[in-house]
mmCIF file of all heavy atoms, coordinates in Angstrom:
data_MODEL
# 
_entry.id   MODEL 
# 
loop_
_atom_site.group_PDB 
_atom_site.id 
_atom_site.type_symbol 
_atom_site.label_atom_id 
_atom_site.label_alt_id 
_atom_site.label_comp_id 
_atom_site.label_asym_id 
_atom_site.label_entity_id 
_atom_site.label_seq_id 
_atom_site.pdbx_PDB_ins_code 
_atom_site.Cartn_x 
_atom_site.Cartn_y 
_atom_site.Cartn_z 
_atom_site.occupancy 
_atom_site.B_iso_or_equiv 
_atom_site.pdbx_formal_charge 
_atom_site.auth_seq_id 
_atom_site.auth_comp_id 
_atom_site.auth_asym_id 
_atom_site.auth_atom_id 
_atom_site.pdbx_PDB_model_num 
ATOM 1   N N   . ASP A 1 1  ? 110.205 111.660 105.663 1.00 0.00 ? 1  ASP A N   1 
ATOM 2   C CA  . ASP A 1 1  ? 110.716 113.025 105.858 1.00 0.00 ? 1  ASP A CA  1 
ATOM 3   C C   . ASP A 1 1  ? 109.790 113.982 105.215 1.00 0.00 ? 1  ASP A C   1 
ATOM 4   O O   . ASP A 1 1  ? 110.184 115.193 104.955 1.00 0.00 ? 1  ASP A O   1 
ATOM 5   C CB  . ASP A 1 1  ? 112.191 113.195 105.404 1.00 0.00 ? 1  ASP A CB  1 
ATOM 6   C CG  . ASP A 1 1  ? 112.343 112.866 103.932 1.00 0.00 ? 1  ASP A CG  1 
ATOM 7   O OD1 . ASP A 1 1  ? 111.319 112.447 103.229 1.00 0.00 ? 1  ASP A OD1 1 
ATOM 8   O OD2 . ASP A 1 1  ? 113.385 113.015 103.402 1.00 0.00 ? 1  ASP A OD2 1 
ATOM 9   N N   . THR A 1 2  ? 108.582 113.616 104.822 1.00 0.00 ? 2  THR A N   1 
ATOM 10  C CA  . THR A 1 2  ? 107.637 114.477 104.130 1.00 0.00 ? 2  THR A CA  1 
ATOM 11  C C   . THR A 1 2  ? 106.410 114.863 105.022 1.00 0.00 ? 2  THR A C   1 
ATOM 12  O O   . THR A 1 2  ? 105.721 115.808 104.584 1.00 0.00 ? 2  THR A O   1 
ATOM 13  C CB  . THR A 1 2  ? 107.147 113.827 102.847 1.00 0.00 ? 2  THR A CB  1 
ATOM 14  O OG1 . THR A 1 2  ? 106.479 112.617 103.123 1.00 0.00 ? 2  THR A OG1 1 
ATOM 15  C CG2 . THR A 1 2  ? 108.328 113.532 101.901 1.00 0.00 ? 2  THR A CG2 1 
ATOM 16  N N   . ALA A 1 3  ? 106.159 114.194 106.099 1.00 0.00 ? 3  ALA A N   1 
ATOM 17  C CA  . ALA A 1 3  ? 105.022 114.558 106.898 1.00 0.00 ? 3  ALA A CA  1 
ATOM 18  C C   . ALA A 1 3  ? 105.259 115.916 107.509 1.00 0.00 ? 3  ALA A C   1 
ATOM 19  O O   . ALA A 1 3  ? 106.395 116.279 107.988 1.00 0.00 ? 3  ALA A O   1 
ATOM 20  C CB  . ALA A 1 3  ? 104.817 113.484 108.016 1.00 0.00 ? 3  ALA A CB  1 
ATOM 21  N N   . LEU A 1 4  ? 104.207 116.724 107.599 1.00 0.00 ? 4  LEU A N   1 
ATOM 22  C CA  . LEU A 1 4  ? 104.296 118.080 107.955 1.00 0.00 ? 4  LEU A CA  1 
ATOM 23  C C   . LEU A 1 4  ? 104.237 118.350 109.433 1.00 0.00 ? 4  LEU A C   1 
ATOM 24  O O   . LEU A 1 4  ? 104.543 119.427 109.905 1.00 0.00 ? 4  LEU A O   1 
ATOM 25  C CB  . LEU A 1 4  ? 103.206 118.893 107.227 1.00 0.00 ? 4  LEU A CB  1 
ATOM 26  C CG  . LEU A 1 4  ? 103.158 118.895 105.741 1.00 0.00 ? 4  LEU A CG  1 
ATOM 27  C CD1 . LEU A 1 4  ? 102.008 119.668 105.201 1.00 0.00 ? 4  LEU A CD1 1 
ATOM 28  C CD2 . LEU A 1 4  ? 104.485 119.421 105.157 1.00 0.00 ? 4  LEU A CD2 1 
ATOM 29  N N   . GLU A 1 5  ? 103.737 117.391 110.220 1.00 0.00 ? 5  GLU A N   1 
ATOM 30  C CA  . GLU A 1 5  ? 103.485 117.682 111.623 1.00 0.00 ? 5  GLU A CA  1 
ATOM 31  C C   . GLU A 1 5  ? 104.648 118.133 112.439 1.00 0.00 ? 5  GLU A C   1 
ATOM 32  O O   . GLU A 1 5  ? 104.570 119.080 113.236 1.00 0.00 ? 5  GLU A O   1 
ATOM 33  C CB  . GLU A 1 5  ? 102.907 116.418 112.286 1.00 0.00 ? 5  GLU A CB  1 
ATOM 34  C CG  . GLU A 1 5  ? 102.390 116.640 113.791 1.00 0.00 ? 5  GLU A CG  1 
ATOM 35  C CD  . GLU A 1 5  ? 101.723 115.418 114.325 1.00 0.00 ? 5  GLU A CD  1 
ATOM 36  O OE1 . GLU A 1 5  ? 101.502 114.392 113.640 1.00 0.00 ? 5  GLU A OE1 1 
ATOM 37  O OE2 . GLU A 1 5  ? 101.288 115.495 115.509 1.00 0.00 ? 5  GLU A OE2 1 
ATOM 38  N N   . GLU A 1 6  ? 105.847 117.521 112.263 1.00 0.00 ? 6  GLU A N   1 
ATOM 39  C CA  . GLU A 1 6  ? 107.060 117.956 112.982 1.00 0.00 ? 6  GLU A CA  1 
ATOM 40  C C   . GLU A 1 6  ? 108.219 118.020 111.933 1.00 0.00 ? 6  GLU A C   1 
ATOM 41  O O   . GLU A 1 6  ? 109.357 117.555 112.261 1.00 0.00 ? 6  GLU A O   1 
ATOM 42  C CB  . GLU A 1 6  ? 107.345 116.952 114.100 1.00 0.00 ? 6  GLU A CB  1 
ATOM 43  C CG  . GLU A 1 6  ? 106.325 117.004 115.272 1.00 0.00 ? 6  GLU A CG  1 
ATOM 44  C CD  . GLU A 1 6  ? 106.647 116.049 116.329 1.00 0.00 ? 6  GLU A CD  1 
ATOM 45  O OE1 . GLU A 1 6  ? 107.515 115.197 116.167 1.00 0.00 ? 6  GLU A OE1 1 
ATOM 46  O OE2 . GLU A 1 6  ? 105.950 116.097 117.389 1.00 0.00 ? 6  GLU A OE2 1 
ATOM 47  N N   . ILE A 1 7  ? 107.949 118.548 110.827 1.00 0.00 ? 7  ILE A N   1 
ATOM 48  C CA  . ILE A 1 7  ? 108.919 118.487 109.720 1.00 0.00 ? 7  ILE A CA  1 
ATOM 49  C C   . ILE A 1 7  ? 110.198 119.281 110.028 1.00 0.00 ? 7  ILE A C   1 
ATOM 50  O O   . ILE A 1 7  ? 111.335 118.948 109.520 1.00 0.00 ? 7  ILE A O   1 
ATOM 51  C CB  . ILE A 1 7  ? 108.287 118.941 108.368 1.00 0.00 ? 7  ILE A CB  1 
ATOM 52  C CG1 . ILE A 1 7  ? 109.207 118.538 107.194 1.00 0.00 ? 7  ILE A CG1 1 
ATOM 53  C CG2 . ILE A 1 7  ? 108.033 120.432 108.357 1.00 0.00 ? 7  ILE A CG2 1 
ATOM 54  C CD1 . ILE A 1 7  ? 108.534 118.743 105.844 1.00 0.00 ? 7  ILE A CD1 1 
ATOM 55  N N   . ALA A 1 8  ? 110.122 120.302 110.863 1.00 0.00 ? 8  ALA A N   1 
ATOM 56  C CA  . ALA A 1 8  ? 111.292 121.126 111.196 1.00 0.00 ? 8  ALA A CA  1 
ATOM 57  C C   . ALA A 1 8  ? 112.299 120.359 112.017 1.00 0.00 ? 8  ALA A C   1 
ATOM 58  O O   . ALA A 1 8  ? 113.454 120.703 112.109 1.00 0.00 ? 8  ALA A O   1 
ATOM 59  C CB  . ALA A 1 8  ? 110.824 122.347 111.946 1.00 0.00 ? 8  ALA A CB  1 
ATOM 60  N N   . ASP A 1 9  ? 111.884 119.206 112.623 1.00 0.00 ? 9  ASP A N   1 
ATOM 61  C CA  . ASP A 1 9  ? 112.764 118.391 113.497 1.00 0.00 ? 9  ASP A CA  1 
ATOM 62  C C   . ASP A 1 9  ? 113.505 117.345 112.635 1.00 0.00 ? 9  ASP A C   1 
ATOM 63  O O   . ASP A 1 9  ? 114.268 116.602 113.165 1.00 0.00 ? 9  ASP A O   1 
ATOM 64  C CB  . ASP A 1 9  ? 111.980 117.679 114.522 1.00 0.00 ? 9  ASP A CB  1 
ATOM 65  C CG  . ASP A 1 9  ? 111.449 118.643 115.547 1.00 0.00 ? 9  ASP A CG  1 
ATOM 66  O OD1 . ASP A 1 9  ? 112.114 119.585 115.868 1.00 0.00 ? 9  ASP A OD1 1 
ATOM 67  O OD2 . ASP A 1 9  ? 110.272 118.368 116.101 1.00 0.00 ? 9  ASP A OD2 1 
ATOM 68  N N   . GLY A 1 10 ? 113.265 117.307 111.338 1.00 0.00 ? 10 GLY A N   1 
ATOM 69  C CA  . GLY A 1 10 ? 113.925 116.394 110.504 1.00 0.00 ? 10 GLY A CA  1 
ATOM 70  C C   . GLY A 1 10 ? 113.222 115.003 110.460 1.00 0.00 ? 10 GLY A C   1 
ATOM 71  O O   . GLY A 1 10 ? 112.223 114.798 111.121 1.00 0.00 ? 10 GLY A O   1 
ATOM 72  N N   . ALA A 1 11 ? 113.855 114.052 109.750 1.00 0.00 ? 11 ALA A N   1 
ATOM 73  C CA  . ALA A 1 11 ? 113.210 112.725 109.620 1.00 0.00 ? 11 ALA A CA  1 
ATOM 74  C C   . ALA A 1 11 ? 113.277 112.029 110.964 1.00 0.00 ? 11 ALA A C   1 
ATOM 75  O O   . ALA A 1 11 ? 114.349 111.955 111.571 1.00 0.00 ? 11 ALA A O   1 
ATOM 76  C CB  . ALA A 1 11 ? 113.983 111.938 108.510 1.00 0.00 ? 11 ALA A CB  1 
ATOM 77  N N   . HIS A 1 12 ? 112.108 111.553 111.383 1.00 0.00 ? 12 HIS A N   1 
ATOM 78  C CA  . HIS A 1 12 ? 112.074 110.794 112.662 1.00 0.00 ? 12 HIS A CA  1 
ATOM 79  C C   . HIS A 1 12 ? 110.795 110.061 112.828 1.00 0.00 ? 12 HIS A C   1 
ATOM 80  O O   . HIS A 1 12 ? 109.776 110.325 112.061 1.00 0.00 ? 12 HIS A O   1 
ATOM 81  C CB  . HIS A 1 12 ? 112.319 111.751 113.822 1.00 0.00 ? 12 HIS A CB  1 
ATOM 82  C CG  . HIS A 1 12 ? 111.163 112.727 114.113 1.00 0.00 ? 12 HIS A CG  1 
ATOM 83  N ND1 . HIS A 1 12 ? 111.028 113.884 113.361 1.00 0.00 ? 12 HIS A ND1 1 
ATOM 84  C CD2 . HIS A 1 12 ? 110.102 112.709 114.907 1.00 0.00 ? 12 HIS A CD2 1 
ATOM 85  C CE1 . HIS A 1 12 ? 109.964 114.581 113.763 1.00 0.00 ? 12 HIS A CE1 1 
ATOM 86  N NE2 . HIS A 1 12 ? 109.351 113.823 114.685 1.00 0.00 ? 12 HIS A NE2 1 
ATOM 87  N N   . LEU A 1 13 ? 110.795 109.127 113.721 1.00 0.00 ? 13 LEU A N   1 
ATOM 88  C CA  . LEU A 1 13 ? 109.526 108.458 114.128 1.00 0.00 ? 13 LEU A CA  1 
ATOM 89  C C   . LEU A 1 13 ? 109.010 109.065 115.406 1.00 0.00 ? 13 LEU A C   1 
ATOM 90  O O   . LEU A 1 13 ? 109.770 109.366 116.323 1.00 0.00 ? 13 LEU A O   1 
ATOM 91  C CB  . LEU A 1 13 ? 109.808 106.947 114.442 1.00 0.00 ? 13 LEU A CB  1 
ATOM 92  C CG  . LEU A 1 13 ? 108.733 106.211 115.237 1.00 0.00 ? 13 LEU A CG  1 
ATOM 93  C CD1 . LEU A 1 13 ? 107.463 106.014 114.406 1.00 0.00 ? 13 LEU A CD1 1 
ATOM 94  C CD2 . LEU A 1 13 ? 109.270 104.838 115.688 1.00 0.00 ? 13 LEU A CD2 1 
ATOM 95  N N   . HIS A 1 14 ? 107.714 109.412 115.419 1.00 0.00 ? 14 HIS A N   1 
ATOM 96  C CA  . HIS A 1 14 ? 107.019 109.936 116.592 1.00 0.00 ? 14 HIS A CA  1 
ATOM 97  C C   . HIS A 1 14 ? 106.189 108.768 117.126 1.00 0.00 ? 14 HIS A C   1 
ATOM 98  O O   . HIS A 1 14 ? 105.259 108.297 116.528 1.00 0.00 ? 14 HIS A O   1 
ATOM 99  C CB  . HIS A 1 14 ? 106.108 111.110 116.239 1.00 0.00 ? 14 HIS A CB  1 
ATOM 100 C CG  . HIS A 1 14 ? 105.405 111.630 117.416 1.00 0.00 ? 14 HIS A CG  1 
ATOM 101 N ND1 . HIS A 1 14 ? 105.885 112.633 118.283 1.00 0.00 ? 14 HIS A ND1 1 
ATOM 102 C CD2 . HIS A 1 14 ? 104.112 111.331 117.861 1.00 0.00 ? 14 HIS A CD2 1 
ATOM 103 C CE1 . HIS A 1 14 ? 105.009 112.849 119.184 1.00 0.00 ? 14 HIS A CE1 1 
ATOM 104 N NE2 . HIS A 1 14 ? 103.909 112.108 118.959 1.00 0.00 ? 14 HIS A NE2 1 
ATOM 105 N N   . LEU A 1 15 ? 106.589 108.302 118.372 1.00 0.00 ? 15 LEU A N   1 
ATOM 106 C CA  . LEU A 1 15 ? 105.913 107.124 118.989 1.00 0.00 ? 15 LEU A CA  1 
ATOM 107 C C   . LEU A 1 15 ? 105.132 107.602 120.226 1.00 0.00 ? 15 LEU A C   1 
ATOM 108 O O   . LEU A 1 15 ? 105.669 108.302 121.106 1.00 0.00 ? 15 LEU A O   1 
ATOM 109 C CB  . LEU A 1 15 ? 106.968 106.097 119.465 1.00 0.00 ? 15 LEU A CB  1 
ATOM 110 C CG  . LEU A 1 15 ? 106.421 104.841 120.199 1.00 0.00 ? 15 LEU A CG  1 
ATOM 111 C CD1 . LEU A 1 15 ? 105.496 104.009 119.267 1.00 0.00 ? 15 LEU A CD1 1 
ATOM 112 C CD2 . LEU A 1 15 ? 107.543 104.010 120.723 1.00 0.00 ? 15 LEU A CD2 1 
ATOM 113 N N   . GLU A 1 16 ? 103.855 107.221 120.259 1.00 0.00 ? 16 GLU A N   1 
ATOM 114 C CA  . GLU A 1 16 ? 103.036 107.548 121.407 1.00 0.00 ? 16 GLU A CA  1 
ATOM 115 C C   . GLU A 1 16 ? 102.596 106.203 122.121 1.00 0.00 ? 16 GLU A C   1 
ATOM 116 O O   . GLU A 1 16 ? 102.436 105.179 121.434 1.00 0.00 ? 16 GLU A O   1 
ATOM 117 C CB  . GLU A 1 16 ? 101.736 108.298 121.031 1.00 0.00 ? 16 GLU A CB  1 
ATOM 118 C CG  . GLU A 1 16 ? 102.135 109.683 120.464 1.00 0.00 ? 16 GLU A CG  1 
ATOM 119 C CD  . GLU A 1 16 ? 100.880 110.436 119.984 1.00 0.00 ? 16 GLU A CD  1 
ATOM 120 O OE1 . GLU A 1 16 ? 99.777  109.844 119.978 1.00 0.00 ? 16 GLU A OE1 1 
ATOM 121 O OE2 . GLU A 1 16 ? 101.029 111.667 119.581 1.00 0.00 ? 16 GLU A OE2 1 
ATOM 122 N N   . LEU A 1 17 ? 102.454 106.229 123.416 1.00 0.00 ? 17 LEU A N   1 
ATOM 123 C CA  . LEU A 1 17 ? 102.071 105.120 124.232 1.00 0.00 ? 17 LEU A CA  1 
ATOM 124 C C   . LEU A 1 17 ? 100.853 105.440 125.134 1.00 0.00 ? 17 LEU A C   1 
ATOM 125 O O   . LEU A 1 17 ? 100.841 106.462 125.751 1.00 0.00 ? 17 LEU A O   1 
ATOM 126 C CB  . LEU A 1 17 ? 103.244 104.618 125.101 1.00 0.00 ? 17 LEU A CB  1 
ATOM 127 C CG  . LEU A 1 17 ? 102.946 103.407 126.033 1.00 0.00 ? 17 LEU A CG  1 
ATOM 128 C CD1 . LEU A 1 17 ? 102.626 102.154 125.195 1.00 0.00 ? 17 LEU A CD1 1 
ATOM 129 C CD2 . LEU A 1 17 ? 104.141 103.146 126.911 1.00 0.00 ? 17 LEU A CD2 1 
ATOM 130 N N   . TYR A 1 18 ? 99.887  104.512 125.081 1.00 0.00 ? 18 TYR A N   1 
ATOM 131 C CA  . TYR A 1 18 ? 98.665  104.726 125.885 1.00 0.00 ? 18 TYR A CA  1 
ATOM 132 C C   . TYR A 1 18 ? 98.472  103.528 126.796 1.00 0.00 ? 18 TYR A C   1 
ATOM 133 O O   . TYR A 1 18 ? 98.837  102.324 126.431 1.00 0.00 ? 18 TYR A O   1 
ATOM 134 C CB  . TYR A 1 18 ? 97.451  104.828 124.981 1.00 0.00 ? 18 TYR A CB  1 
ATOM 135 C CG  . TYR A 1 18 ? 97.373  106.082 124.137 1.00 0.00 ? 18 TYR A CG  1 
ATOM 136 C CD1 . TYR A 1 18 ? 98.163  106.083 122.995 1.00 0.00 ? 18 TYR A CD1 1 
ATOM 137 C CD2 . TYR A 1 18 ? 96.596  107.102 124.458 1.00 0.00 ? 18 TYR A CD2 1 
ATOM 138 C CE1 . TYR A 1 18 ? 98.163  107.232 122.122 1.00 0.00 ? 18 TYR A CE1 1 
ATOM 139 C CE2 . TYR A 1 18 ? 96.489  108.218 123.620 1.00 0.00 ? 18 TYR A CE2 1 
ATOM 140 C CZ  . TYR A 1 18 ? 97.262  108.253 122.474 1.00 0.00 ? 18 TYR A CZ  1 
ATOM 141 O OH  . TYR A 1 18 ? 97.242  109.387 121.633 1.00 0.00 ? 18 TYR A OH  1 
ATOM 142 N N   . LYS A 1 19 ? 97.928  103.756 128.015 1.00 0.00 ? 19 LYS A N   1 
ATOM 143 C CA  . LYS A 1 19 ? 97.600  102.668 128.963 1.00 0.00 ? 19 LYS A CA  1 
ATOM 144 C C   . LYS A 1 19 ? 96.084  102.924 129.328 1.00 0.00 ? 19 LYS A C   1 
ATOM 145 O O   . LYS A 1 19 ? 95.761  103.954 129.973 1.00 0.00 ? 19 LYS A O   1 
ATOM 146 C CB  . LYS A 1 19 ? 98.520  102.693 130.176 1.00 0.00 ? 19 LYS A CB  1 
ATOM 147 C CG  . LYS A 1 19 ? 97.984  101.830 131.320 1.00 0.00 ? 19 LYS A CG  1 
ATOM 148 C CD  . LYS A 1 19 ? 98.051  100.319 130.971 1.00 0.00 ? 19 LYS A CD  1 
ATOM 149 C CE  . LYS A 1 19 ? 97.713  99.528  132.200 1.00 0.00 ? 19 LYS A CE  1 
ATOM 150 N NZ  . LYS A 1 19 ? 97.427  98.145  131.903 1.00 0.00 ? 19 LYS A NZ  1 
ATOM 151 N N   . ASP A 1 20 ? 95.281  101.989 128.857 1.00 0.00 ? 20 ASP A N   1 
ATOM 152 C CA  . ASP A 1 20 ? 93.823  102.141 129.109 1.00 0.00 ? 20 ASP A CA  1 
ATOM 153 C C   . ASP A 1 20 ? 93.312  103.458 128.611 1.00 0.00 ? 20 ASP A C   1 
ATOM 154 O O   . ASP A 1 20 ? 92.442  104.129 129.259 1.00 0.00 ? 20 ASP A O   1 
ATOM 155 C CB  . ASP A 1 20 ? 93.511  101.981 130.634 1.00 0.00 ? 20 ASP A CB  1 
ATOM 156 C CG  . ASP A 1 20 ? 93.924  100.597 131.141 1.00 0.00 ? 20 ASP A CG  1 
ATOM 157 O OD1 . ASP A 1 20 ? 93.787  99.632  130.375 1.00 0.00 ? 20 ASP A OD1 1 
ATOM 158 O OD2 . ASP A 1 20 ? 94.327  100.539 132.305 1.00 0.00 ? 20 ASP A OD2 1 
ATOM 159 N N   . GLY A 1 21 ? 93.831  103.899 127.428 1.00 0.00 ? 21 GLY A N   1 
ATOM 160 C CA  . GLY A 1 21 ? 93.340  105.097 126.799 1.00 0.00 ? 21 GLY A CA  1 
ATOM 161 C C   . GLY A 1 21 ? 93.993  106.400 127.281 1.00 0.00 ? 21 GLY A C   1 
ATOM 162 O O   . GLY A 1 21 ? 93.631  107.461 126.772 1.00 0.00 ? 21 GLY A O   1 
ATOM 163 N N   . VAL A 1 22 ? 94.865  106.364 128.162 1.00 0.00 ? 22 VAL A N   1 
ATOM 164 C CA  . VAL A 1 22 ? 95.532  107.480 128.726 1.00 0.00 ? 22 VAL A CA  1 
ATOM 165 C C   . VAL A 1 22 ? 97.010  107.565 128.235 1.00 0.00 ? 22 VAL A C   1 
ATOM 166 O O   . VAL A 1 22 ? 97.747  106.546 128.301 1.00 0.00 ? 22 VAL A O   1 
ATOM 167 C CB  . VAL A 1 22 ? 95.512  107.540 130.261 1.00 0.00 ? 22 VAL A CB  1 
ATOM 168 C CG1 . VAL A 1 22 ? 96.230  108.817 130.796 1.00 0.00 ? 22 VAL A CG1 1 
ATOM 169 C CG2 . VAL A 1 22 ? 94.096  107.492 130.758 1.00 0.00 ? 22 VAL A CG2 1 
ATOM 170 N N   . LYS A 1 23 ? 97.441  108.686 127.720 1.00 0.00 ? 23 LYS A N   1 
ATOM 171 C CA  . LYS A 1 23 ? 98.821  108.838 127.262 1.00 0.00 ? 23 LYS A CA  1 
ATOM 172 C C   . LYS A 1 23 ? 99.823  108.781 128.406 1.00 0.00 ? 23 LYS A C   1 
ATOM 173 O O   . LYS A 1 23 ? 99.588  109.354 129.454 1.00 0.00 ? 23 LYS A O   1 
ATOM 174 C CB  . LYS A 1 23 ? 99.029  110.138 126.552 1.00 0.00 ? 23 LYS A CB  1 
ATOM 175 C CG  . LYS A 1 23 ? 98.478  110.184 125.098 1.00 0.00 ? 23 LYS A CG  1 
ATOM 176 C CD  . LYS A 1 23 ? 98.820  111.532 124.411 1.00 0.00 ? 23 LYS A CD  1 
ATOM 177 C CE  . LYS A 1 23 ? 98.335  111.587 123.012 1.00 0.00 ? 23 LYS A CE  1 
ATOM 178 N NZ  . LYS A 1 23 ? 98.590  112.838 122.326 1.00 0.00 ? 23 LYS A NZ  1 
ATOM 179 N N   . ILE A 1 24 ? 100.879 107.967 128.213 1.00 0.00 ? 24 ILE A N   1 
ATOM 180 C CA  . ILE A 1 24 ? 101.975 107.788 129.213 1.00 0.00 ? 24 ILE A CA  1 
ATOM 181 C C   . ILE A 1 24 ? 103.275 107.921 128.520 1.00 0.00 ? 24 ILE A C   1 
ATOM 182 O O   . ILE A 1 24 ? 103.371 107.944 127.307 1.00 0.00 ? 24 ILE A O   1 
ATOM 183 C CB  . ILE A 1 24 ? 101.829 106.539 130.002 1.00 0.00 ? 24 ILE A CB  1 
ATOM 184 C CG1 . ILE A 1 24 ? 101.842 105.325 128.998 1.00 0.00 ? 24 ILE A CG1 1 
ATOM 185 C CG2 . ILE A 1 24 ? 100.505 106.400 130.814 1.00 0.00 ? 24 ILE A CG2 1 
ATOM 186 C CD1 . ILE A 1 24 ? 101.863 103.916 129.691 1.00 0.00 ? 24 ILE A CD1 1 
ATOM 187 N N   . ASN A 1 25 ? 104.343 108.005 129.364 1.00 0.00 ? 25 ASN A N   1 
ATOM 188 C CA  . ASN A 1 25 ? 105.679 108.229 128.799 1.00 0.00 ? 25 ASN A CA  1 
ATOM 189 C C   . ASN A 1 25 ? 106.253 106.910 128.236 1.00 0.00 ? 25 ASN A C   1 
ATOM 190 O O   . ASN A 1 25 ? 106.536 105.965 129.000 1.00 0.00 ? 25 ASN A O   1 
ATOM 191 C CB  . ASN A 1 25 ? 106.607 108.745 129.926 1.00 0.00 ? 25 ASN A CB  1 
ATOM 192 C CG  . ASN A 1 25 ? 107.929 109.233 129.418 1.00 0.00 ? 25 ASN A CG  1 
ATOM 193 O OD1 . ASN A 1 25 ? 108.290 109.046 128.276 1.00 0.00 ? 25 ASN A OD1 1 
ATOM 194 N ND2 . ASN A 1 25 ? 108.722 109.804 130.296 1.00 0.00 ? 25 ASN A ND2 1 
ATOM 195 N N   . PRO A 1 26 ? 106.592 106.869 126.962 1.00 0.00 ? 26 PRO A N   1 
ATOM 196 C CA  . PRO A 1 26 ? 107.098 105.624 126.389 1.00 0.00 ? 26 PRO A CA  1 
ATOM 197 C C   . PRO A 1 26 ? 108.469 105.256 126.943 1.00 0.00 ? 26 PRO A C   1 
ATOM 198 O O   . PRO A 1 26 ? 108.849 104.096 126.971 1.00 0.00 ? 26 PRO A O   1 
ATOM 199 C CB  . PRO A 1 26 ? 107.252 105.948 124.892 1.00 0.00 ? 26 PRO A CB  1 
ATOM 200 C CG  . PRO A 1 26 ? 106.255 107.064 124.615 1.00 0.00 ? 26 PRO A CG  1 
ATOM 201 C CD  . PRO A 1 26 ? 106.280 107.835 125.873 1.00 0.00 ? 26 PRO A CD  1 
ATOM 202 N N   . MET A 1 27 ? 109.205 106.257 127.368 1.00 0.00 ? 27 MET A N   1 
ATOM 203 C CA  . MET A 1 27 ? 110.574 106.041 127.957 1.00 0.00 ? 27 MET A CA  1 
ATOM 204 C C   . MET A 1 27 ? 110.521 105.077 129.146 1.00 0.00 ? 27 MET A C   1 
ATOM 205 O O   . MET A 1 27 ? 111.449 104.354 129.440 1.00 0.00 ? 27 MET A O   1 
ATOM 206 C CB  . MET A 1 27 ? 111.194 107.382 128.331 1.00 0.00 ? 27 MET A CB  1 
ATOM 207 C CG  . MET A 1 27 ? 112.654 107.200 128.730 1.00 0.00 ? 27 MET A CG  1 
ATOM 208 S SD  . MET A 1 27 ? 113.765 106.720 127.412 1.00 0.00 ? 27 MET A SD  1 
ATOM 209 C CE  . MET A 1 27 ? 113.927 108.277 126.582 1.00 0.00 ? 27 MET A CE  1 
# 
């Protein structure tokens, strides 16, 4: 809960997913 990137959103995990180097929707 100390990282500044999205601190206003409260404590959370930010997960990103890539396929062959391109960002895609993790959902």
